C-alpha atoms as a PDB file:
ATOM      1  CA  MET A   1     144.071  73.613  52.420  1.00  0.00           C
ATOM      2  CA  LYS A   2     146.629  73.293  55.457  1.00  0.00           C
ATOM      3  CA  ARG A   3     146.295  75.872  58.043  1.00  0.00           C
ATOM      4  CA  PRO A   4     149.862  77.888  58.272  1.00  0.00           C
ATOM      5  CA  CYS A   5     151.620  77.526  61.491  1.00  0.00           C
ATOM      6  CA  SER A   6     151.583  80.387  64.074  1.00  0.00           C
ATOM      7  CA  ALA A   7     154.902  81.519  62.871  1.00  0.00           C
ATOM      8  CA  GLN A   8     153.256  82.441  59.495  1.00  0.00           C
ATOM      9  CA  LEU A   9     150.490  84.633  60.824  1.00  0.00           C
ATOM     10  CA  LEU A  10     151.953  87.693  59.611  1.00  0.00           C
ATOM     11  CA  LEU A  11     150.274  90.058  62.224  1.00  0.00           C
ATOM     12  CA  SER A  12     150.175  87.897  65.249  1.00  0.00           C
ATOM     13  CA  CYS A  13     153.833  86.985  64.767  1.00  0.00           C
ATOM     14  CA  ALA A  14     155.073  90.536  63.730  1.00  0.00           C
ATOM     15  CA  LEU A  15     152.913  92.333  66.435  1.00  0.00           C
ATOM     16  CA  ALA A  16     153.410  89.674  69.194  1.00  0.00           C
ATOM     17  CA  LEU A  17     149.846  90.549  70.500  1.00  0.00           C
ATOM     18  CA  ALA A  18     147.634  87.797  72.199  1.00  0.00           C
ATOM     19  CA  LEU A  19     144.507  89.995  71.085  1.00  0.00           C
ATOM     20  CA  VAL A  20     145.401  89.484  67.255  1.00  0.00           C
ATOM     21  CA  VAL A  21     146.243  86.039  67.941  1.00  0.00           C
ATOM     22  CA  SER A  22     142.652  85.337  69.048  1.00  0.00           C
ATOM     23  CA  VAL A  23     141.275  86.994  65.959  1.00  0.00           C
ATOM     24  CA  ILE A  24     143.404  85.375  63.279  1.00  0.00           C
ATOM     25  CA  CYS A  25     143.164  81.637  64.761  1.00  0.00           C
ATOM     26  CA  GLY A  26     139.625  82.075  65.325  1.00  0.00           C
ATOM     27  CA  THR A  27     139.417  81.217  69.026  1.00  0.00           C
ATOM     28  CA  PRO A  28     136.354  81.703  71.085  1.00  0.00           C
ATOM     29  CA  VAL A  29     137.283  85.125  72.104  1.00  0.00           C
ATOM     30  CA  VAL A  30     135.835  86.186  68.635  1.00  0.00           C
ATOM     31  CA  PHE A  31     133.207  83.470  67.977  1.00  0.00           C
ATOM     32  CA  ALA A  32     131.722  83.281  71.422  1.00  0.00           C
ATOM     33  CA  ALA A  33     128.811  85.670  70.372  1.00  0.00           C
ATOM     34  CA  GLU A  34     128.755  84.391  66.788  1.00  0.00           C
ATOM     35  CA  GLU A  35     125.129  82.375  67.519  1.00  0.00           C
ATOM     36  CA  GLN A  36     123.606  85.660  68.980  1.00  0.00           C
ATOM     37  CA  ALA A  37     124.991  87.601  65.964  1.00  0.00           C
ATOM     38  CA  ALA A  38     123.713  85.045  63.440  1.00  0.00           C
ATOM     39  CA  GLU A  39     120.462  87.005  63.040  1.00  0.00           C
ATOM     40  CA  GLU A  40     122.087  90.131  62.249  1.00  0.00           C
ATOM     41  CA  SER A  41     124.604  88.700  59.871  1.00  0.00           C
ATOM     42  CA  SER A  42     122.625  86.985  57.776  1.00  0.00           C
ATOM     43  CA  GLY A  43     120.251  89.802  57.419  1.00  0.00           C
ATOM     44  CA  PRO A  44     120.463  93.059  55.590  1.00  0.00           C
ATOM     45  CA  ALA A  45     121.589  95.147  58.672  1.00  0.00           C
ATOM     46  CA  LEU A  46     125.441  96.285  58.650  1.00  0.00           C
ATOM     47  CA  PRO A  47     127.482  96.250  61.676  1.00  0.00           C
ATOM     48  CA  GLU A  48     128.099  99.350  63.449  1.00  0.00           C
ATOM     49  CA  TRP A  49     131.769  99.390  62.309  1.00  0.00           C
ATOM     50  CA  ALA A  50     130.728  99.224  58.576  1.00  0.00           C
ATOM     51  CA  PRO A  51     131.366 102.833  56.680  1.00  0.00           C
ATOM     52  CA  GLU A  52     128.454 105.221  56.977  1.00  0.00           C
ATOM     53  CA  GLU A  53     128.133 105.076  52.900  1.00  0.00           C
ATOM     54  CA  PRO A  54     129.210 101.942  52.240  1.00  0.00           C
ATOM     55  CA  SER A  55     130.976 101.477  48.517  1.00  0.00           C
ATOM     56  CA  LYS A  56     129.382  99.052  45.999  1.00  0.00           C
ATOM     57  CA  GLU A  57     132.375  96.588  46.754  1.00  0.00           C
ATOM     58  CA  PHE A  58     131.732  96.504  50.340  1.00  0.00           C
ATOM     59  CA  LEU A  59     127.973  95.788  49.278  1.00  0.00           C
ATOM     60  CA  ARG A  60     128.917  93.128  46.973  1.00  0.00           C
ATOM     61  CA  ALA A  61     130.850  91.499  49.405  1.00  0.00           C
ATOM     62  CA  VAL A  62     127.964  91.399  51.934  1.00  0.00           C
ATOM     63  CA  GLU A  63     126.010  89.249  49.283  1.00  0.00           C
ATOM     64  CA  VAL A  64     128.482  86.251  50.062  1.00  0.00           C
ATOM     65  CA  LEU A  65     130.224  86.987  53.334  1.00  0.00           C
ATOM     66  CA  GLY A  66     128.722  87.231  57.019  1.00  0.00           C
ATOM     67  CA  PHE A  67     130.253  89.514  59.895  1.00  0.00           C
ATOM     68  CA  LEU A  68     132.187  88.336  62.785  1.00  0.00           C
ATOM     69  CA  PRO A  69     130.876  89.600  66.077  1.00  0.00           C
ATOM     70  CA  SER A  70     132.940  92.158  67.767  1.00  0.00           C
ATOM     71  CA  GLU A  71     131.659  92.927  71.031  1.00  0.00           C
ATOM     72  CA  GLU A  72     134.831  91.062  72.716  1.00  0.00           C
ATOM     73  CA  LEU A  73     137.256  93.060  70.786  1.00  0.00           C
ATOM     74  CA  ARG A  74     135.572  96.284  71.723  1.00  0.00           C
ATOM     75  CA  ALA A  75     135.406  95.171  75.256  1.00  0.00           C
ATOM     76  CA  ALA A  76     139.112  94.289  75.300  1.00  0.00           C
ATOM     77  CA  GLY A  77     139.913  97.656  73.691  1.00  0.00           C
ATOM     78  CA  ALA A  78     137.946  99.306  76.241  1.00  0.00           C
ATOM     79  CA  ALA A  79     139.487  97.334  79.153  1.00  0.00           C
ATOM     80  CA  ASN A  80     143.023  98.054  78.119  1.00  0.00           C
ATOM     81  CA  PRO A  81     143.724 101.535  76.936  1.00  0.00           C
ATOM     82  CA  GLU A  82     147.172 100.293  75.567  1.00  0.00           C
ATOM     83  CA  VAL A  83     145.268  98.300  72.556  1.00  0.00           C
ATOM     84  CA  GLY A  84     142.235 100.434  72.314  1.00  0.00           C
ATOM     85  CA  ALA A  85     143.392 102.307  69.174  1.00  0.00           C
ATOM     86  CA  PHE A  86     144.599  99.203  67.800  1.00  0.00           C
ATOM     87  CA  VAL A  87     141.285  97.473  68.120  1.00  0.00           C
ATOM     88  CA  THR A  88     139.528 100.470  66.906  1.00  0.00           C
ATOM     89  CA  ALA A  89     141.545 100.576  63.683  1.00  0.00           C
ATOM     90  CA  MET A  90     141.246  96.789  63.155  1.00  0.00           C
ATOM     91  CA  LEU A  91     137.504  97.205  62.995  1.00  0.00           C
ATOM     92  CA  GLU A  92     136.873 100.679  61.631  1.00  0.00           C
ATOM     93  CA  VAL A  93     139.549 100.585  59.082  1.00  0.00           C
ATOM     94  CA  LEU A  94     140.976  96.987  58.457  1.00  0.00           C
ATOM     95  CA  TRP A  95     137.782  95.059  58.247  1.00  0.00           C
ATOM     96  CA  PRO A  96     135.952  97.456  55.870  1.00  0.00           C
ATOM     97  CA  ARG A  97     138.923  97.186  53.447  1.00  0.00           C
ATOM     98  CA  ALA A  98     139.187  93.560  53.456  1.00  0.00           C
ATOM     99  CA  PHE A  99     135.200  93.582  52.471  1.00  0.00           C
ATOM    100  CA  GLU A 100     136.125  95.935  50.012  1.00  0.00           C
ATOM    101  CA  LEU A 101     139.073  93.934  48.596  1.00  0.00           C
ATOM    102  CA  PHE A 102     136.575  90.674  48.794  1.00  0.00           C
ATOM    103  CA  GLY A 103     134.093  92.513  46.547  1.00  0.00           C
ATOM    104  CA  SER A 104     136.511  93.480  43.923  1.00  0.00           C
ATOM    105  CA  LEU A 105     136.629  89.816  43.038  1.00  0.00           C
ATOM    106  CA  THR A 106     135.410  89.043  39.341  1.00  0.00           C
ATOM    107  CA  GLY A 107     132.206  86.748  39.485  1.00  0.00           C
ATOM    108  CA  GLU A 108     134.222  83.890  38.395  1.00  0.00           C
ATOM    109  CA  GLU A 109     136.720  84.299  41.293  1.00  0.00           C
ATOM    110  CA  VAL A 110     133.661  84.516  43.867  1.00  0.00           C
ATOM    111  CA  GLU A 111     132.602  81.281  42.464  1.00  0.00           C
ATOM    112  CA  GLU A 112     135.995  79.610  42.693  1.00  0.00           C
ATOM    113  CA  PHE A 113     136.268  80.827  46.250  1.00  0.00           C
ATOM    114  CA  GLY A 114     132.880  79.325  47.123  1.00  0.00           C
ATOM    115  CA  ALA A 115     133.752  75.893  45.379  1.00  0.00           C
ATOM    116  CA  HIS A 116     137.161  75.641  46.885  1.00  0.00           C
ATOM    117  CA  ARG A 117     136.968  77.590  49.887  1.00  0.00           C
ATOM    118  CA  GLU A 118     140.076  79.504  48.525  1.00  0.00           C
ATOM    119  CA  VAL A 119     141.070  82.043  45.469  1.00  0.00           C
ATOM    120  CA  ARG A 120     144.386  83.501  44.709  1.00  0.00           C
ATOM    121  CA  ILE A 121     145.211  85.935  42.248  1.00  0.00           C
ATOM    122  CA  TYR A 122     148.913  86.736  40.957  1.00  0.00           C
ATOM    123  CA  VAL A 123     149.336  90.350  42.190  1.00  0.00           C
ATOM    124  CA  PRO A 124     150.814  91.668  38.726  1.00  0.00           C
ATOM    125  CA  SER A 125     147.644  90.145  36.974  1.00  0.00           C
ATOM    126  CA  LEU A 126     145.374  92.264  39.135  1.00  0.00           C
ATOM    127  CA  LEU A 127     142.503  94.287  37.584  1.00  0.00           C
ATOM    128  CA  PRO A 128     142.854  98.095  38.189  1.00  0.00           C
ATOM    129  CA  SER A 129     140.036  98.133  40.653  1.00  0.00           C
ATOM    130  CA  GLN A 130     141.525  95.033  42.326  1.00  0.00           C
ATOM    131  CA  LYS A 131     145.098  96.746  42.573  1.00  0.00           C
ATOM    132  CA  THR A 132     143.283  99.756  44.089  1.00  0.00           C
ATOM    133  CA  ALA A 133     141.275  97.943  46.749  1.00  0.00           C
ATOM    134  CA  LEU A 134     144.620  96.006  47.386  1.00  0.00           C
ATOM    135  CA  ASP A 135     146.419  99.417  48.040  1.00  0.00           C
ATOM    136  CA  ASN A 136     143.783 100.584  50.162  1.00  0.00           C
ATOM    137  CA  TRP A 137     144.107  97.063  52.206  1.00  0.00           C
ATOM    138  CA  ILE A 138     147.759  97.280  52.492  1.00  0.00           C
ATOM    139  CA  GLU A 139     147.366 101.001  53.587  1.00  0.00           C
ATOM    140  CA  ALA A 140     144.857 100.085  56.401  1.00  0.00           C
ATOM    141  CA  ALA A 141     146.931  97.069  57.533  1.00  0.00           C
ATOM    142  CA  SER A 142     150.131  99.086  57.665  1.00  0.00           C
ATOM    143  CA  GLU A 143     148.095 101.698  60.087  1.00  0.00           C
ATOM    144  CA  VAL A 144     147.067  98.734  62.144  1.00  0.00           C
ATOM    145  CA  ALA A 145     150.630  97.370  62.384  1.00  0.00           C
ATOM    146  CA  ALA A 146     151.848 100.965  63.395  1.00  0.00           C
ATOM    147  CA  LEU A 147     149.334 101.039  66.214  1.00  0.00           C
ATOM    148  CA  ALA A 148     149.994  97.898  67.677  1.00  0.00           C
ATOM    149  CA  PRO A 149     151.459  98.113  71.300  1.00  0.00           C
ATOM    150  CA  GLY A 150     155.324  97.424  71.367  1.00  0.00           C
ATOM    151  CA  ALA A 151     155.197  97.292  67.608  1.00  0.00           C
ATOM    152  CA  GLY A 152     158.799  97.128  66.457  1.00  0.00           C
ATOM    153  CA  PRO A 153     160.845  95.778  63.494  1.00  0.00           C
ATOM    154  CA  PRO A 154     160.248  95.016  60.615  1.00  0.00           C
ATOM    155  CA  GLY A 155     159.130  98.308  59.369  1.00  0.00           C
ATOM    156  CA  GLU A 156     160.092 100.251  62.441  1.00  0.00           C
ATOM    157  CA  GLY A 157     160.993 103.855  61.242  1.00  0.00           C
ATOM    158  CA  LEU A 158     159.247 103.369  58.274  1.00  0.00           C
ATOM    159  CA  PRO A 159     156.089 105.851  57.324  1.00  0.00           C
ATOM    160  CA  PRO A 160     152.848 103.970  58.540  1.00  0.00           C
ATOM    161  CA  GLU A 161     151.550 103.224  55.069  1.00  0.00           C
ATOM    162  CA  GLN A 162     154.729 101.151  54.289  1.00  0.00           C
ATOM    163  CA  ARG A 163     154.599  99.008  57.608  1.00  0.00           C
ATOM    164  CA  PHE A 164     152.749  95.922  56.117  1.00  0.00           C
ATOM    165  CA  LEU A 165     154.752  96.080  52.827  1.00  0.00           C
ATOM    166  CA  ALA A 166     158.038  95.576  55.151  1.00  0.00           C
ATOM    167  CA  LEU A 167     156.339  92.716  56.787  1.00  0.00           C
ATOM    168  CA  LEU A 168     155.862  90.770  53.766  1.00  0.00           C
ATOM    169  CA  ARG A 169     159.255  91.472  52.320  1.00  0.00           C
ATOM    170  CA  GLU A 170     160.661  90.321  55.453  1.00  0.00           C
ATOM    171  CA  GLU A 171     158.867  86.851  54.452  1.00  0.00           C
ATOM    172  CA  GLY A 172     160.459  86.859  51.181  1.00  0.00           C
ATOM    173  CA  ALA A 173     158.156  89.113  48.882  1.00  0.00           C
ATOM    174  CA  GLU A 174     159.638  91.054  46.091  1.00  0.00           C
ATOM    175  CA  GLU A 175     159.672  94.961  46.328  1.00  0.00           C
ATOM    176  CA  ASP A 176     157.128  95.465  43.518  1.00  0.00           C
ATOM    177  CA  LEU A 177     155.444  91.855  44.982  1.00  0.00           C
ATOM    178  CA  SER A 178     156.030  90.115  41.559  1.00  0.00           C
ATOM    179  CA  ASN A 179     156.370  87.087  43.436  1.00  0.00           C
ATOM    180  CA  VAL A 180     153.208  87.163  45.539  1.00  0.00           C
ATOM    181  CA  ASP A 181     149.846  85.821  45.170  1.00  0.00           C
ATOM    182  CA  VAL A 182     146.883  87.361  46.815  1.00  0.00           C
ATOM    183  CA  GLY A 183     143.577  86.220  47.818  1.00  0.00           C
ATOM    184  CA  PHE A 184     141.164  84.860  50.410  1.00  0.00           C
ATOM    185  CA  GLY A 185     140.802  81.500  52.368  1.00  0.00           C
ATOM    186  CA  ILE A 186     138.465  80.168  54.836  1.00  0.00           C
ATOM    187  CA  GLN A 187     139.262  77.766  57.928  1.00  0.00           C
ATOM    188  CA  ALA A 188     137.348  76.888  60.887  1.00  0.00           C
ATOM    189  CA  GLY A 189     134.408  78.973  59.607  1.00  0.00           C
ATOM    190  CA  ALA A 190     136.554  82.579  59.397  1.00  0.00           C
ATOM    191  CA  VAL A 191     137.416  84.074  56.237  1.00  0.00           C
ATOM    192  CA  GLY A 192     140.773  85.875  55.896  1.00  0.00           C
ATOM    193  CA  VAL A 193     142.873  87.888  53.470  1.00  0.00           C
ATOM    194  CA  TYR A 194     145.796  85.516  52.405  1.00  0.00           C
ATOM    195  CA  PHE A 195     149.184  86.132  50.747  1.00  0.00           C
ATOM    196  CA  TRP A 196     151.434  83.359  49.046  1.00  0.00           C
ATOM    197  CA  ILE A 197     154.892  84.449  48.842  1.00  0.00           C
ATOM    198  CA  ASN A 198     156.460  82.082  46.079  1.00  0.00           C
ATOM    199  CA  VAL A 199     159.917  81.603  47.120  1.00  0.00           C
ATOM    200  CA  SER A 200     161.644  78.675  45.538  1.00  0.00           C
ATOM    201  CA  GLY A 201     162.286  75.799  47.860  1.00  0.00           C
ATOM    202  CA  SER A 202     160.928  77.688  50.874  1.00  0.00           C
ATOM    203  CA  GLY A 203     157.915  75.388  51.566  1.00  0.00           C
ATOM    204  CA  LYS A 204     155.994  78.127  53.237  1.00  0.00           C
ATOM    205  CA  GLY A 205     152.485  77.878  53.315  1.00  0.00           C
ATOM    206  CA  PRO A 206     150.088  81.024  52.668  1.00  0.00           C
ATOM    207  CA  ILE A 207     150.397  83.928  55.149  1.00  0.00           C
ATOM    208  CA  ILE A 208     147.006  84.910  56.818  1.00  0.00           C
ATOM    209  CA  SER A 209     147.092  88.518  57.761  1.00  0.00           C
ATOM    210  CA  ASN A 210     143.659  88.915  59.329  1.00  0.00           C
ATOM    211  CA  ASP A 211     140.530  86.996  59.433  1.00  0.00           C
ATOM    212  CA  PHE A 212     137.716  89.426  58.947  1.00  0.00           C
ATOM    213  CA  ALA A 213     134.417  87.469  58.094  1.00  0.00           C
ATOM    214  CA  LYS A 214     132.587  84.381  58.045  1.00  0.00           C
ATOM    215  CA  LEU A 215     131.036  82.616  55.135  1.00  0.00           C
ATOM    216  CA  LYS A 216     127.326  83.584  54.937  1.00  0.00           C
ATOM    217  CA  PRO A 217     124.990  80.444  55.026  1.00  0.00           C
ATOM    218  CA  LYS A 218     123.237  79.882  51.572  1.00  0.00           C
END
């Protein structure tokens, strides 16, 4: 699976924030503490950003996925008040919703992800529980987008919960997402939420919205 160019990384491009680029691209700012966090990520303990009462979908995802270390992101947010709320929302709102979205996959879809390091589902064919999880993730992604310092078009002036949909439509998505696949992919050890927008002749690769986890060792 070819890694999309930086111009196709939706949040990094739309929000023009170096911190997000480091998270999405899996650069050392996120992975520097990975070895120190290995024991925690492979054990039963949940990270400090996890919900106090994790849903069954969150816990189901934890059976497959490990946690990215968040110390550097927290430190970056504490050192720069302009990005503090953004970092907090990404860790405490967006990442948990991403785990819940992954946990909504069927057993067959999880097996496909494990076998091919990628799984994609046509949005109109999502199960009701998956559609709810996607809607929750989109709302969280919109909240993060609205909090990014200097965030502007696309989506400027829209209610926060609609900001991420505006970003997708800017890339060619239909209003009802009827030409969009959603799923997960893994590159450089990081698992991300992916969107494939089917626009005839565009030649576009998938859009990676945000890396949020790593594949747990078997």
